[in-house]
């Protein structure tokens, strides 16, 4: 933590004209079984959350609500839809959430700290329980820098900026993003020569090609029949059978990944996209996810 504090102290405040780029905090990132884990303080107690840009709402497990003594909302519950189906439970209402010392509030008019209560596909990381998912309702207030080689996450406050505004000194590629619903971060990609729309989902350990993407690629159940299958637990109460399919090439901007193995399943995603771009694609990359300007920047190696 002392090293992170030093790194954060050295980050410059970048501003010109009406563009302001202000670092808020640097937080350690752990990777366990493909999950990107970060510490979140809830009511002053440290909890372990998965960093999940694919989740519209942040989630806390039922076990964590008991361990952290979180008050439940007697009036409001949230229907949670994921790969594992739909689940609805009363929300949890923590008094405070902080991330690297920075208070977190949801991107809503009420600026509340409400958490959805639900079932997670992964419940432990080593010997520590996974307490929840930190989703876009809190994360999209900031720009987010994932430095995978350094195992850090840095939050920035960005306002009034457009174009290539980063304070990075090295070369980087800029990709435009769409927000079809809420703050969903959807990127243009090319898989096996076909242009697809991919939801950036750091909560997915492995990239997934869903029903619309399979149709565009011409992959049918008979095509996938020879692939290995595995039962996968997703967000929600049920499990899904998926195929492990080897593709030819994935292009995200100028970053190419040859002969990757991704999940393939004829399921529908929300929002409707062709695929999830998971944490496996992020391996050893440094990316800047700009919710403020609807762009993703990828540092060139």
Protein backbone atom coordinates (compact mmCIF):
# COMPACT_ATOMS: atom_id res chain seq x y z
CA UNK A 1 0.00 0.00 0.00
CA UNK A 2 2.91 2.39 0.69
CA UNK A 3 4.22 1.83 -2.86
CA UNK A 4 0.74 2.55 -4.29
CA UNK A 5 0.53 5.75 -2.27
CA UNK A 6 3.87 6.85 -3.74
CA UNK A 7 2.74 6.03 -7.29
CA UNK A 8 -0.47 7.97 -6.75
CA UNK A 9 1.41 10.97 -5.35
CA UNK A 10 3.51 11.10 -8.54
CA UNK A 11 0.49 11.11 -10.88
CA UNK A 12 0.12 14.56 -12.44
CA UNK A 13 -3.04 16.66 -12.58
CA UNK A 14 -3.44 17.22 -16.32
CA UNK A 15 -5.44 20.25 -17.42
CA UNK A 16 -5.62 22.60 -20.38
CA UNK A 17 -8.35 24.91 -21.63
CA UNK A 18 -11.58 23.31 -20.37
CA UNK A 19 -10.14 19.78 -20.12
CA UNK A 20 -9.37 18.53 -16.60
CA UNK A 21 -7.85 15.12 -15.77
CA UNK A 22 -7.50 14.63 -12.02
CA UNK A 23 -6.25 11.40 -10.39
CA UNK A 24 -8.30 10.40 -7.34
CA UNK A 25 -6.82 7.15 -6.06
CA UNK A 26 -4.69 4.12 -6.92
CA UNK A 27 -5.84 0.72 -5.66
CA UNK A 28 -4.11 -2.68 -5.71
CA UNK A 29 -5.51 -5.27 -8.10
CA UNK A 30 -5.33 -9.02 -7.48
CA UNK A 31 -6.04 -11.65 -10.13
CA UNK A 32 -7.31 -14.99 -8.80
CA UNK A 33 -8.69 -17.67 -11.15
CA UNK A 34 -9.30 -15.02 -13.81
CA UNK A 35 -11.19 -12.67 -11.48
CA UNK A 36 -10.01 -9.06 -11.02
CA UNK A 37 -10.27 -8.44 -7.27
CA UNK A 38 -10.18 -5.08 -5.50
CA UNK A 39 -10.68 -3.99 -1.88
CA UNK A 40 -13.84 -2.00 -1.09
CA UNK A 41 -14.52 -0.63 2.39
CA UNK A 42 -18.18 -1.02 3.39
CA UNK A 43 -19.18 0.73 6.61
CA UNK A 44 -15.44 0.91 7.35
CA UNK A 45 -14.91 -2.88 6.95
CA UNK A 46 -12.74 -4.13 4.09
CA UNK A 47 -14.49 -6.43 1.63
CA UNK A 48 -13.28 -8.17 -1.54
CA UNK A 49 -15.15 -7.28 -4.74
CA UNK A 50 -14.76 -8.30 -8.38
CA UNK A 51 -14.14 -5.28 -10.62
CA UNK A 52 -16.97 -5.70 -13.13
CA UNK A 53 -17.54 -3.26 -15.99
CA UNK A 54 -20.11 -5.69 -17.39
CA UNK A 55 -22.49 -5.25 -14.44
CA UNK A 56 -24.96 -2.37 -14.62
CA UNK A 57 -25.50 -2.57 -10.85
CA UNK A 58 -23.11 -3.45 -8.08
CA UNK A 59 -23.89 -6.64 -6.19
CA UNK A 60 -23.26 -7.92 -2.67
CA UNK A 61 -23.77 -11.55 -1.65
CA UNK A 62 -26.25 -12.63 0.99
CA UNK A 63 -23.38 -13.98 3.10
CA UNK A 64 -21.65 -10.59 2.94
CA UNK A 65 -24.78 -8.73 4.03
CA UNK A 66 -24.71 -10.82 7.21
CA UNK A 67 -20.93 -10.57 7.77
CA UNK A 68 -20.96 -6.81 7.21
CA UNK A 69 -24.26 -6.31 9.10
CA UNK A 70 -25.83 -4.44 6.17
CA UNK A 71 -29.34 -3.05 6.54
CA UNK A 72 -31.83 -4.44 3.99
CA UNK A 73 -34.33 -2.22 2.20
CA UNK A 74 -37.87 -3.27 3.22
CA UNK A 75 -39.40 -1.58 0.16
CA UNK A 76 -36.97 -1.83 -2.75
CA UNK A 77 -35.51 -4.89 -4.45
CA UNK A 78 -33.68 -5.29 -7.76
CA UNK A 79 -34.21 -7.96 -10.40
CA UNK A 80 -30.72 -9.17 -11.34
CA UNK A 81 -30.41 -10.64 -14.84
CA UNK A 82 -27.26 -12.46 -15.91
CA UNK A 83 -26.01 -15.59 -17.65
CA UNK A 84 -27.45 -17.59 -14.75
CA UNK A 85 -30.98 -16.23 -15.07
CA UNK A 86 -33.03 -13.74 -13.04
CA UNK A 87 -33.02 -13.27 -9.28
CA UNK A 88 -34.77 -10.62 -7.15
CA UNK A 89 -34.01 -9.88 -3.50
CA UNK A 90 -34.34 -6.79 -1.25
CA UNK A 91 -31.48 -4.33 -1.72
CA UNK A 92 -28.78 -3.67 0.89
CA UNK A 93 -28.20 -0.11 2.10
CA UNK A 94 -24.67 0.42 3.47
CA UNK A 95 -23.99 3.69 5.24
CA UNK A 96 -20.71 4.19 3.36
CA UNK A 97 -18.60 2.74 0.53
CA UNK A 98 -15.03 3.78 -0.14
CA UNK A 99 -12.51 2.69 -2.77
CA UNK A 100 -8.92 3.53 -1.99
CA UNK A 101 -10.17 6.14 0.46
CA UNK A 102 -12.47 7.78 -2.12
CA UNK A 103 -16.19 7.78 -1.22
CA UNK A 104 -18.35 5.98 -3.79
CA UNK A 105 -21.89 6.97 -4.74
CA UNK A 106 -24.06 5.63 -7.51
CA UNK A 107 -24.49 7.57 -10.75
CA UNK A 108 -28.08 8.47 -9.92
CA UNK A 109 -29.94 11.65 -9.00
CA UNK A 110 -30.09 10.49 -5.37
CA UNK A 111 -26.34 9.60 -5.35
CA UNK A 112 -27.08 6.71 -3.00
CA UNK A 113 -24.99 3.67 -2.01
CA UNK A 114 -27.62 0.98 -2.64
CA UNK A 115 -26.37 -2.52 -3.51
CA UNK A 116 -28.21 -5.33 -5.25
CA UNK A 117 -28.18 -8.61 -3.29
CA UNK A 118 -27.60 -11.70 -5.40
CA UNK A 119 -25.78 -14.93 -6.23
CA UNK A 120 -22.26 -14.82 -7.68
CA UNK A 121 -20.61 -17.53 -9.81
CA UNK A 122 -17.41 -17.34 -7.72
CA UNK A 123 -17.64 -17.23 -3.93
CA UNK A 124 -13.99 -17.53 -2.83
CA UNK A 125 -10.56 -16.25 -3.85
CA UNK A 126 -7.96 -18.38 -2.15
CA UNK A 127 -9.10 -18.46 1.45
CA UNK A 128 -10.99 -15.16 1.29
CA UNK A 129 -14.68 -14.86 0.43
CA UNK A 130 -15.71 -12.78 -2.55
CA UNK A 131 -18.25 -10.33 -1.18
CA UNK A 132 -19.63 -8.79 -4.37
CA UNK A 133 -19.23 -7.07 -7.72
CA UNK A 134 -18.26 -3.42 -8.16
CA UNK A 135 -20.23 -2.41 -11.25
CA UNK A 136 -20.82 0.54 -13.55
CA UNK A 137 -23.31 2.32 -11.29
CA UNK A 138 -20.33 3.33 -9.11
CA UNK A 139 -17.41 3.00 -11.55
CA UNK A 140 -18.85 5.17 -14.36
CA UNK A 141 -18.59 8.28 -12.18
CA UNK A 142 -14.85 8.07 -12.94
CA UNK A 143 -12.49 7.17 -15.75
CA UNK A 144 -10.80 3.89 -14.96
CA UNK A 145 -7.20 2.88 -15.73
CA UNK A 146 -6.36 -0.82 -15.50
CA UNK A 147 -2.62 -1.42 -15.41
CA UNK A 148 -2.43 -5.19 -15.53
CA UNK A 149 1.40 -5.53 -15.44
CA UNK A 150 1.57 -3.24 -12.38
CA UNK A 151 -1.56 -4.82 -10.84
CA UNK A 152 -3.15 -1.45 -10.09
CA UNK A 153 -6.40 0.39 -10.74
CA UNK A 154 -6.38 4.20 -10.90
CA UNK A 155 -9.51 6.36 -10.78
CA UNK A 156 -9.55 9.72 -12.56
CA UNK A 157 -12.05 12.55 -12.59
CA UNK A 158 -12.30 13.78 -16.19
CA UNK A 159 -14.33 16.73 -17.43
CA UNK A 160 -14.47 18.87 -20.57
CA UNK A 161 -12.13 16.58 -22.54
CA UNK A 162 -12.35 15.14 -26.04
CA UNK A 163 -10.04 13.27 -28.39
CA UNK A 164 -6.62 12.09 -27.26
CA UNK A 165 -6.38 13.82 -23.89
CA UNK A 166 -4.38 11.26 -21.88
CA UNK A 167 -1.34 12.24 -19.81
CA UNK A 168 0.45 9.11 -21.08
CA UNK A 169 3.86 9.65 -22.67
CA UNK A 170 3.94 6.45 -24.75
CA UNK A 171 1.97 5.52 -27.85
CA UNK A 172 -1.62 4.36 -27.48
CA UNK A 173 -4.63 3.45 -29.61
CA UNK A 174 -8.04 5.08 -29.19
CA UNK A 175 -11.28 3.14 -29.71
CA UNK A 176 -14.77 4.69 -29.76
CA UNK A 177 -17.35 3.16 -27.43
CA UNK A 178 -21.14 3.06 -27.55
CA UNK A 179 -23.51 3.28 -24.58
CA UNK A 180 -26.64 1.50 -25.88
CA UNK A 181 -28.17 1.26 -22.39
CA UNK A 182 -27.22 2.99 -19.19
CA UNK A 183 -23.40 3.14 -19.07
CA UNK A 184 -22.70 -0.11 -20.95
CA UNK A 185 -19.29 0.11 -22.63
CA UNK A 186 -19.63 -1.48 -26.09
CA UNK A 187 -16.61 -1.63 -28.43
CA UNK A 188 -16.21 -2.46 -32.13
CA UNK A 189 -14.11 -5.61 -32.67
CA UNK A 190 -13.32 -7.94 -35.56
CA UNK A 191 -13.47 -11.69 -34.95
CA UNK A 192 -12.45 -14.01 -37.78
CA UNK A 193 -12.95 -11.16 -40.25
CA UNK A 194 -16.47 -10.29 -39.05
CA UNK A 195 -17.26 -6.96 -37.36
CA UNK A 196 -18.97 -7.50 -34.00
CA UNK A 197 -20.10 -5.42 -31.02
CA UNK A 198 -18.47 -6.44 -27.72
CA UNK A 199 -19.45 -5.40 -24.20
CA UNK A 200 -16.29 -4.74 -22.16
CA UNK A 201 -16.81 -7.07 -19.20
CA UNK A 202 -13.95 -7.23 -16.70
CA UNK A 203 -16.13 -9.48 -14.55
CA UNK A 204 -16.02 -12.26 -17.16
CA UNK A 205 -12.88 -14.35 -16.75
CA UNK A 206 -13.10 -15.64 -20.35
CA UNK A 207 -14.42 -13.86 -23.44
CA UNK A 208 -17.83 -15.13 -24.55
CA UNK A 209 -19.45 -15.14 -28.00
CA UNK A 210 -23.25 -15.11 -27.62
CA UNK A 211 -26.16 -15.91 -29.94
CA UNK A 212 -26.03 -12.78 -32.17
CA UNK A 213 -22.27 -13.18 -32.63
CA UNK A 214 -22.57 -16.88 -33.44
CA UNK A 215 -25.19 -16.07 -36.09
CA UNK A 216 -22.99 -13.41 -37.70
CA UNK A 217 -20.04 -15.80 -37.72
CA UNK A 218 -22.13 -18.61 -39.20
CA UNK A 219 -21.52 -20.92 -36.23
CA UNK A 220 -24.36 -23.41 -35.68
CA UNK A 221 -24.96 -26.07 -33.00
CA UNK A 222 -23.59 -28.67 -35.40
CA UNK A 223 -20.44 -26.55 -35.91
CA UNK A 224 -19.87 -26.39 -32.16
CA UNK A 225 -20.77 -30.04 -31.50
CA UNK A 226 -17.15 -31.21 -31.61
CA UNK A 227 -15.96 -28.57 -29.14
CA UNK A 228 -15.37 -29.37 -25.46
CA UNK A 229 -18.28 -28.39 -23.23
CA UNK A 230 -18.35 -27.13 -19.68
CA UNK A 231 -21.06 -26.11 -17.25
CA UNK A 232 -20.46 -22.48 -16.30
CA UNK A 233 -22.01 -20.53 -13.44
CA UNK A 234 -22.88 -16.95 -14.31
CA UNK A 235 -24.46 -14.04 -12.51
CA UNK A 236 -27.78 -15.43 -11.29
CA UNK A 237 -29.06 -18.68 -9.78
CA UNK A 238 -28.58 -21.13 -12.69
CA UNK A 239 -25.70 -22.69 -14.63
CA UNK A 240 -25.26 -22.71 -18.42
CA UNK A 241 -23.59 -25.27 -20.70
CA UNK A 242 -21.02 -23.60 -22.95
CA UNK A 243 -18.61 -24.71 -25.66
CA UNK A 244 -14.90 -23.88 -25.68
CA UNK A 245 -14.34 -22.88 -29.32
CA UNK A 246 -11.05 -21.96 -30.98
CA UNK A 247 -11.34 -18.92 -33.22
CA UNK A 248 -8.85 -17.63 -35.78
CA UNK A 249 -8.10 -14.05 -34.80
CA UNK A 250 -9.54 -11.28 -32.64
CA UNK A 251 -8.76 -7.65 -33.46
CA UNK A 252 -9.52 -4.90 -30.95
CA UNK A 253 -8.16 -1.76 -32.56
CA UNK A 254 -4.62 -2.74 -33.57
CA UNK A 255 -4.28 -5.32 -30.78
CA UNK A 256 -4.44 -8.79 -32.32
CA UNK A 257 -4.98 -12.10 -30.53
CA UNK A 258 -4.33 -15.18 -32.67
CA UNK A 259 -6.08 -18.54 -32.25
CA UNK A 260 -7.87 -17.65 -29.00
CA UNK A 261 -10.19 -20.08 -27.22
CA UNK A 262 -13.42 -18.40 -26.06
CA UNK A 263 -16.72 -19.53 -24.62
CA UNK A 264 -19.49 -19.92 -27.23
CA UNK A 265 -23.14 -20.29 -26.25
CA UNK A 266 -26.48 -19.41 -27.95
CA UNK A 267 -27.58 -17.08 -25.15
CA UNK A 268 -28.88 -13.51 -25.24
CA UNK A 269 -27.08 -10.76 -23.37
CA UNK A 270 -28.34 -7.50 -21.91
CA UNK A 271 -27.72 -5.11 -23.59
CA UNK A 272 -28.02 -7.00 -26.87
CA UNK A 273 -24.44 -7.41 -28.10
CA UNK A 274 -22.55 -10.06 -30.04
CA UNK A 275 -20.03 -10.95 -27.34
CA UNK A 276 -18.45 -10.16 -23.99
CA UNK A 277 -14.83 -8.99 -24.08
CA UNK A 278 -13.51 -10.53 -20.87
CA UNK A 279 -10.61 -10.19 -18.48
CA UNK A 280 -8.57 -12.73 -20.49
CA UNK A 281 -8.22 -10.15 -23.27
CA UNK A 282 -6.88 -7.60 -20.76
CA UNK A 283 -3.95 -9.80 -19.72
CA UNK A 284 -0.70 -7.77 -19.49
CA UNK A 285 -2.35 -4.69 -21.07
CA UNK A 286 -2.72 -1.14 -19.81
CA UNK A 287 -6.08 0.35 -20.74
CA UNK A 288 -7.88 3.59 -19.97
CA UNK A 289 -11.68 3.19 -19.86
CA UNK A 290 -13.10 6.68 -20.35
CA UNK A 291 -16.73 6.80 -19.32
CA UNK A 292 -16.50 10.61 -19.58
CA UNK A 293 -15.59 10.64 -23.30
CA UNK A 294 -16.93 7.22 -24.43
CA UNK A 295 -13.55 5.93 -25.52
CA UNK A 296 -11.12 3.18 -24.57
CA UNK A 297 -7.39 3.74 -24.92
CA UNK A 298 -4.94 0.84 -25.15
CA UNK A 299 -1.25 1.47 -24.48
CA UNK A 300 0.97 -0.03 -27.17
CA UNK A 301 3.61 -2.43 -25.84
